[in-house]
Amino acid sequence: MWGGLLIKQLANLITSTRFLLAAGMVLTAPFSAAFWACYLGGGVSDLLDGPIARRLNIQSTAGAKLDSAADLAFAAAISVAAVRSVPLPIWIWVCAACITAVRLAGHSIGFAKYRTFSALHTYANKATGALIFASPLLYAALGLTGSGIVLCAAALFSSVEELVITVSAPTLNRDCKGIYQMKHHGEARI
């Protein structure tokens, strides 16, 4: 009995660890050994939860919402660490504010339209999440300006794409891969 329940919730349990690991990143010294342990654990959680859900055929709407919320919490924790340890130029703050405004608009419209949290799992959102996860490496390779441009451009593109899909799609499809999929499947005219 317990084994079956555990299997049904395995992907959600793995996803939920990202909330704890995000909190650990915020509560530890930025870029300390404890921070990196939480950071890597969160990355492993994000890599495992989806494939495990698909492999065990336990995908759910609640799991998709939980995954999106865990991704947001993890990205926020990385942002907190960056803000606490790296002085950011004003242009990055302006970009972050614009991206946040577009994301909030998309989620607000999605909630009004579909009466639920409507974060999408587009390729652009996944790529942006991967870039945010890789941001310490980007920073080491490209410096603050280069990594800031890459992250801001990716996040802005994925935010605008999600907003356009949310406004245009007649129904919520969290697994829409991008605007091109909507055109191909005739879901909406863009």
C-alpha atoms as a PDB file:
ATOM      1  CA  MET A   1       0.000   0.000   0.000  1.00  0.00           C
ATOM      2  CA  TRP A   2       2.646   2.553   1.062  1.00  0.00           C
ATOM      3  CA  GLY A   3       4.911   1.449  -1.764  1.00  0.00           C
ATOM      4  CA  GLY A   4       2.231   2.142  -4.369  1.00  0.00           C
ATOM      5  CA  LEU A   5       1.492   5.552  -2.873  1.00  0.00           C
ATOM      6  CA  LEU A   6       5.200   6.382  -2.808  1.00  0.00           C
ATOM      7  CA  ILE A   7       5.590   5.395  -6.477  1.00  0.00           C
ATOM      8  CA  LYS A   8       2.583   7.578  -7.455  1.00  0.00           C
ATOM      9  CA  GLN A   9       4.116  10.570  -5.674  1.00  0.00           C
ATOM     10  CA  LEU A  10       7.799   9.921  -6.442  1.00  0.00           C
ATOM     11  CA  ALA A  11       8.183  12.635  -9.095  1.00  0.00           C
ATOM     12  CA  ASN A  12       6.346  15.179  -6.908  1.00  0.00           C
ATOM     13  CA  LEU A  13       8.550  14.290  -3.936  1.00  0.00           C
ATOM     14  CA  ILE A  14      11.654  14.811  -6.058  1.00  0.00           C
ATOM     15  CA  THR A  15      10.246  18.129  -7.320  1.00  0.00           C
ATOM     16  CA  SER A  16       9.433  19.223  -3.751  1.00  0.00           C
ATOM     17  CA  THR A  17      13.059  18.856  -2.717  1.00  0.00           C
ATOM     18  CA  ARG A  18      13.790  21.893  -4.926  1.00  0.00           C
ATOM     19  CA  PHE A  19      11.852  24.111  -2.495  1.00  0.00           C
ATOM     20  CA  LEU A  20      13.988  22.893   0.407  1.00  0.00           C
ATOM     21  CA  LEU A  21      17.186  23.204  -1.598  1.00  0.00           C
ATOM     22  CA  ALA A  22      16.222  26.725  -2.744  1.00  0.00           C
ATOM     23  CA  ALA A  23      15.681  27.697   0.899  1.00  0.00           C
ATOM     24  CA  GLY A  24      19.070  26.172   1.716  1.00  0.00           C
ATOM     25  CA  MET A  25      20.711  28.302  -0.981  1.00  0.00           C
ATOM     26  CA  VAL A  26      19.172  31.454   0.484  1.00  0.00           C
ATOM     27  CA  LEU A  27      20.084  30.548   4.069  1.00  0.00           C
ATOM     28  CA  THR A  28      23.730  29.643   3.389  1.00  0.00           C
ATOM     29  CA  ALA A  29      26.592  31.895   2.402  1.00  0.00           C
ATOM     30  CA  PRO A  30      26.536  32.529  -1.355  1.00  0.00           C
ATOM     31  CA  PHE A  31      28.835  30.175  -3.248  1.00  0.00           C
ATOM     32  CA  SER A  32      29.886  28.275  -0.107  1.00  0.00           C
ATOM     33  CA  ALA A  33      30.166  24.473  -0.089  1.00  0.00           C
ATOM     34  CA  ALA A  34      26.661  24.215   1.426  1.00  0.00           C
ATOM     35  CA  PHE A  35      25.307  26.560  -1.269  1.00  0.00           C
ATOM     36  CA  TRP A  36      26.857  24.430  -4.047  1.00  0.00           C
ATOM     37  CA  ALA A  37      25.481  21.231  -2.510  1.00  0.00           C
ATOM     38  CA  CYS A  38      21.955  22.718  -2.534  1.00  0.00           C
ATOM     39  CA  TYR A  39      22.505  24.125  -6.025  1.00  0.00           C
ATOM     40  CA  LEU A  40      23.625  20.797  -7.501  1.00  0.00           C
ATOM     41  CA  GLY A  41      20.887  18.920  -5.667  1.00  0.00           C
ATOM     42  CA  GLY A  42      18.292  21.280  -7.136  1.00  0.00           C
ATOM     43  CA  GLY A  43      19.700  20.744 -10.616  1.00  0.00           C
ATOM     44  CA  VAL A  44      19.555  16.965 -10.202  1.00  0.00           C
ATOM     45  CA  SER A  45      15.965  17.255  -8.927  1.00  0.00           C
ATOM     46  CA  ASP A  46      14.989  19.256 -11.996  1.00  0.00           C
ATOM     47  CA  LEU A  47      16.650  16.761 -14.336  1.00  0.00           C
ATOM     48  CA  LEU A  48      15.020  13.725 -12.716  1.00  0.00           C
ATOM     49  CA  ASP A  49      11.416  14.643 -11.892  1.00  0.00           C
ATOM     50  CA  GLY A  50      10.044  14.898 -15.434  1.00  0.00           C
ATOM     51  CA  PRO A  51      11.682  11.764 -16.867  1.00  0.00           C
ATOM     52  CA  ILE A  52      10.646   9.759 -13.794  1.00  0.00           C
ATOM     53  CA  ALA A  53       7.046  10.975 -14.089  1.00  0.00           C
ATOM     54  CA  ARG A  54       6.975  10.018 -17.778  1.00  0.00           C
ATOM     55  CA  ARG A  55       8.730   6.677 -17.244  1.00  0.00           C
ATOM     56  CA  LEU A  56       6.338   5.655 -14.457  1.00  0.00           C
ATOM     57  CA  ASN A  57       3.371   7.217 -16.294  1.00  0.00           C
ATOM     58  CA  ILE A  58       2.494   9.354 -13.272  1.00  0.00           C
ATOM     59  CA  GLN A  59       2.354  12.791 -14.934  1.00  0.00           C
ATOM     60  CA  SER A  60      -0.342  15.068 -13.573  1.00  0.00           C
ATOM     61  CA  THR A  61      -1.580  18.626 -13.790  1.00  0.00           C
ATOM     62  CA  ALA A  62      -0.702  19.097 -10.122  1.00  0.00           C
ATOM     63  CA  GLY A  63       2.807  17.789 -10.797  1.00  0.00           C
ATOM     64  CA  ALA A  64       3.263  20.210 -13.701  1.00  0.00           C
ATOM     65  CA  LYS A  65       2.167  23.121 -11.494  1.00  0.00           C
ATOM     66  CA  LEU A  66       4.452  21.955  -8.690  1.00  0.00           C
ATOM     67  CA  ASP A  67       7.386  21.702 -11.126  1.00  0.00           C
ATOM     68  CA  SER A  68       6.810  25.248 -12.398  1.00  0.00           C
ATOM     69  CA  ALA A  69       6.555  26.614  -8.859  1.00  0.00           C
ATOM     70  CA  ALA A  70       9.722  24.751  -7.806  1.00  0.00           C
ATOM     71  CA  ASP A  71      11.553  26.129 -10.846  1.00  0.00           C
ATOM     72  CA  LEU A  72      10.492  29.667  -9.901  1.00  0.00           C
ATOM     73  CA  ALA A  73      11.628  29.174  -6.296  1.00  0.00           C
ATOM     74  CA  PHE A  74      14.974  27.772  -7.429  1.00  0.00           C
ATOM     75  CA  ALA A  75      15.555  30.604  -9.926  1.00  0.00           C
ATOM     76  CA  ALA A  76      14.656  33.122  -7.220  1.00  0.00           C
ATOM     77  CA  ALA A  77      17.190  31.534  -4.847  1.00  0.00           C
ATOM     78  CA  ILE A  78      19.918  31.766  -7.492  1.00  0.00           C
ATOM     79  CA  SER A  79      18.952  35.405  -8.032  1.00  0.00           C
ATOM     80  CA  VAL A  80      19.150  36.119  -4.293  1.00  0.00           C
ATOM     81  CA  ALA A  81      22.639  34.600  -4.159  1.00  0.00           C
ATOM     82  CA  ALA A  82      23.738  36.680  -7.142  1.00  0.00           C
ATOM     83  CA  VAL A  83      22.308  39.889  -5.688  1.00  0.00           C
ATOM     84  CA  ARG A  84      23.987  39.213  -2.322  1.00  0.00           C
ATOM     85  CA  SER A  85      27.410  38.622  -3.832  1.00  0.00           C
ATOM     86  CA  VAL A  86      27.709  40.329  -7.229  1.00  0.00           C
ATOM     87  CA  PRO A  87      27.040  44.063  -7.688  1.00  0.00           C
ATOM     88  CA  LEU A  88      24.667  44.286 -10.650  1.00  0.00           C
ATOM     89  CA  PRO A  89      24.592  47.265 -13.027  1.00  0.00           C
ATOM     90  CA  ILE A  90      21.364  49.223 -13.426  1.00  0.00           C
ATOM     91  CA  TRP A  91      20.663  47.840 -16.911  1.00  0.00           C
ATOM     92  CA  ILE A  92      20.357  44.315 -15.493  1.00  0.00           C
ATOM     93  CA  TRP A  93      17.893  45.583 -12.870  1.00  0.00           C
ATOM     94  CA  VAL A  94      15.855  47.297 -15.602  1.00  0.00           C
ATOM     95  CA  CYS A  95      15.855  44.110 -17.704  1.00  0.00           C
ATOM     96  CA  ALA A  96      14.862  42.025 -14.677  1.00  0.00           C
ATOM     97  CA  ALA A  97      11.995  44.412 -13.908  1.00  0.00           C
ATOM     98  CA  CYS A  98      10.749  44.251 -17.514  1.00  0.00           C
ATOM     99  CA  ILE A  99      10.982  40.456 -17.592  1.00  0.00           C
ATOM    100  CA  THR A 100       9.171  40.213 -14.255  1.00  0.00           C
ATOM    101  CA  ALA A 101       6.414  42.533 -15.522  1.00  0.00           C
ATOM    102  CA  VAL A 102       5.931  40.426 -18.676  1.00  0.00           C
ATOM    103  CA  ARG A 103       5.894  37.178 -16.632  1.00  0.00           C
ATOM    104  CA  LEU A 104       3.389  38.604 -14.156  1.00  0.00           C
ATOM    105  CA  ALA A 105       1.195  39.832 -17.000  1.00  0.00           C
ATOM    106  CA  GLY A 106       1.261  36.401 -18.635  1.00  0.00           C
ATOM    107  CA  HIS A 107       0.473  34.560 -15.412  1.00  0.00           C
ATOM    108  CA  SER A 108      -2.254  37.057 -14.484  1.00  0.00           C
ATOM    109  CA  ILE A 109      -3.899  36.752 -17.893  1.00  0.00           C
ATOM    110  CA  GLY A 110      -3.537  32.975 -17.697  1.00  0.00           C
ATOM    111  CA  PHE A 111      -5.151  32.869 -14.274  1.00  0.00           C
ATOM    112  CA  ALA A 112      -8.018  35.106 -15.401  1.00  0.00           C
ATOM    113  CA  LYS A 113      -8.515  33.104 -18.592  1.00  0.00           C
ATOM    114  CA  TYR A 114      -8.046  29.545 -17.293  1.00  0.00           C
ATOM    115  CA  ARG A 115      -8.653  29.980 -13.527  1.00  0.00           C
ATOM    116  CA  THR A 116      -5.388  28.227 -12.691  1.00  0.00           C
ATOM    117  CA  PHE A 117      -1.640  28.837 -12.577  1.00  0.00           C
ATOM    118  CA  SER A 118      -0.727  28.700 -16.255  1.00  0.00           C
ATOM    119  CA  ALA A 119       3.065  28.437 -16.521  1.00  0.00           C
ATOM    120  CA  LEU A 120       4.035  26.701 -19.762  1.00  0.00           C
ATOM    121  CA  HIS A 121       6.804  24.194 -20.382  1.00  0.00           C
ATOM    122  CA  THR A 122       7.970  25.691 -23.676  1.00  0.00           C
ATOM    123  CA  TYR A 123      11.402  24.981 -25.087  1.00  0.00           C
ATOM    124  CA  ALA A 124      12.299  28.648 -24.538  1.00  0.00           C
ATOM    125  CA  ASN A 125      11.298  28.418 -20.859  1.00  0.00           C
ATOM    126  CA  LYS A 126      13.316  25.215 -20.456  1.00  0.00           C
ATOM    127  CA  ALA A 127      16.332  26.801 -22.162  1.00  0.00           C
ATOM    128  CA  THR A 128      16.042  29.869 -19.935  1.00  0.00           C
ATOM    129  CA  GLY A 129      15.877  27.647 -16.862  1.00  0.00           C
ATOM    130  CA  ALA A 130      18.985  25.798 -18.028  1.00  0.00           C
ATOM    131  CA  LEU A 131      20.796  29.102 -18.576  1.00  0.00           C
ATOM    132  CA  ILE A 132      19.784  30.339 -15.115  1.00  0.00           C
ATOM    133  CA  PHE A 133      21.084  27.087 -13.658  1.00  0.00           C
ATOM    134  CA  ALA A 134      24.305  27.537 -15.636  1.00  0.00           C
ATOM    135  CA  SER A 135      24.601  31.228 -14.714  1.00  0.00           C
ATOM    136  CA  PRO A 136      27.657  30.761 -12.464  1.00  0.00           C
ATOM    137  CA  LEU A 137      29.428  29.061 -15.369  1.00  0.00           C
ATOM    138  CA  LEU A 138      28.250  31.745 -17.786  1.00  0.00           C
ATOM    139  CA  TYR A 139      29.525  34.402 -15.401  1.00  0.00           C
ATOM    140  CA  ALA A 140      32.925  32.688 -15.202  1.00  0.00           C
ATOM    141  CA  ALA A 141      33.137  32.322 -18.993  1.00  0.00           C
ATOM    142  CA  LEU A 142      31.559  35.567 -20.240  1.00  0.00           C
ATOM    143  CA  GLY A 143      31.831  37.974 -17.339  1.00  0.00           C
ATOM    144  CA  LEU A 144      28.977  40.022 -15.948  1.00  0.00           C
ATOM    145  CA  THR A 145      28.077  41.892 -19.136  1.00  0.00           C
ATOM    146  CA  GLY A 146      28.154  38.857 -21.437  1.00  0.00           C
ATOM    147  CA  SER A 147      26.285  36.554 -19.087  1.00  0.00           C
ATOM    148  CA  GLY A 148      23.799  39.339 -18.287  1.00  0.00           C
ATOM    149  CA  ILE A 149      23.038  39.857 -21.983  1.00  0.00           C
ATOM    150  CA  VAL A 150      22.560  36.122 -22.599  1.00  0.00           C
ATOM    151  CA  LEU A 151      20.329  35.626 -19.546  1.00  0.00           C
ATOM    152  CA  CYS A 152      18.258  38.766 -20.115  1.00  0.00           C
ATOM    153  CA  ALA A 153      17.727  38.014 -23.812  1.00  0.00           C
ATOM    154  CA  ALA A 154      16.693  34.410 -23.165  1.00  0.00           C
ATOM    155  CA  ALA A 155      14.403  35.316 -20.260  1.00  0.00           C
ATOM    156  CA  LEU A 156      12.767  38.168 -22.175  1.00  0.00           C
ATOM    157  CA  PHE A 157      12.183  36.009 -25.247  1.00  0.00           C
ATOM    158  CA  SER A 158      10.681  33.147 -23.231  1.00  0.00           C
ATOM    159  CA  SER A 159       8.504  35.557 -21.215  1.00  0.00           C
ATOM    160  CA  VAL A 160       7.122  37.275 -24.318  1.00  0.00           C
ATOM    161  CA  GLU A 161       6.561  33.938 -26.064  1.00  0.00           C
ATOM    162  CA  GLU A 162       4.649  32.587 -23.061  1.00  0.00           C
ATOM    163  CA  LEU A 163       2.563  35.782 -22.879  1.00  0.00           C
ATOM    164  CA  VAL A 164       1.680  35.555 -26.592  1.00  0.00           C
ATOM    165  CA  ILE A 165       0.742  31.880 -26.271  1.00  0.00           C
ATOM    166  CA  THR A 166      -1.357  32.543 -23.174  1.00  0.00           C
ATOM    167  CA  VAL A 167      -3.220  35.401 -24.847  1.00  0.00           C
ATOM    168  CA  SER A 168      -3.708  33.538 -28.149  1.00  0.00           C
ATOM    169  CA  ALA A 169      -4.437  29.940 -27.160  1.00  0.00           C
ATOM    170  CA  PRO A 170      -8.107  29.031 -26.760  1.00  0.00           C
ATOM    171  CA  THR A 171      -7.249  26.365 -24.165  1.00  0.00           C
ATOM    172  CA  LEU A 172      -4.423  25.863 -21.684  1.00  0.00           C
ATOM    173  CA  ASN A 173      -1.749  23.465 -22.908  1.00  0.00           C
ATOM    174  CA  ARG A 174       1.105  23.516 -20.394  1.00  0.00           C
ATOM    175  CA  ASP A 175       3.133  21.273 -22.697  1.00  0.00           C
ATOM    176  CA  CYS A 176       2.978  23.641 -25.679  1.00  0.00           C
ATOM    177  CA  LYS A 177       6.577  23.688 -26.922  1.00  0.00           C
ATOM    178  CA  GLY A 178       6.415  27.155 -28.461  1.00  0.00           C
ATOM    179  CA  ILE A 179       4.588  29.520 -30.777  1.00  0.00           C
ATOM    180  CA  TYR A 180       5.575  27.411 -33.776  1.00  0.00           C
ATOM    181  CA  GLN A 181       3.624  24.468 -32.298  1.00  0.00           C
ATOM    182  CA  MET A 182       0.498  26.590 -32.063  1.00  0.00           C
ATOM    183  CA  LYS A 183       0.775  27.540 -35.723  1.00  0.00           C
ATOM    184  CA  HIS A 184       1.471  23.936 -36.752  1.00  0.00           C
ATOM    185  CA  HIS A 185      -1.451  22.493 -34.793  1.00  0.00           C
ATOM    186  CA  GLY A 186      -3.798  25.332 -35.640  1.00  0.00           C
ATOM    187  CA  GLU A 187      -4.449  26.091 -31.967  1.00  0.00           C
ATOM    188  CA  ALA A 188      -4.616  29.814 -32.549  1.00  0.00           C
ATOM    189  CA  ARG A 189      -3.827  32.421 -35.119  1.00  0.00           C
ATOM    190  CA  ILE A 190      -0.828  34.518 -34.231  1.00  0.00           C
END
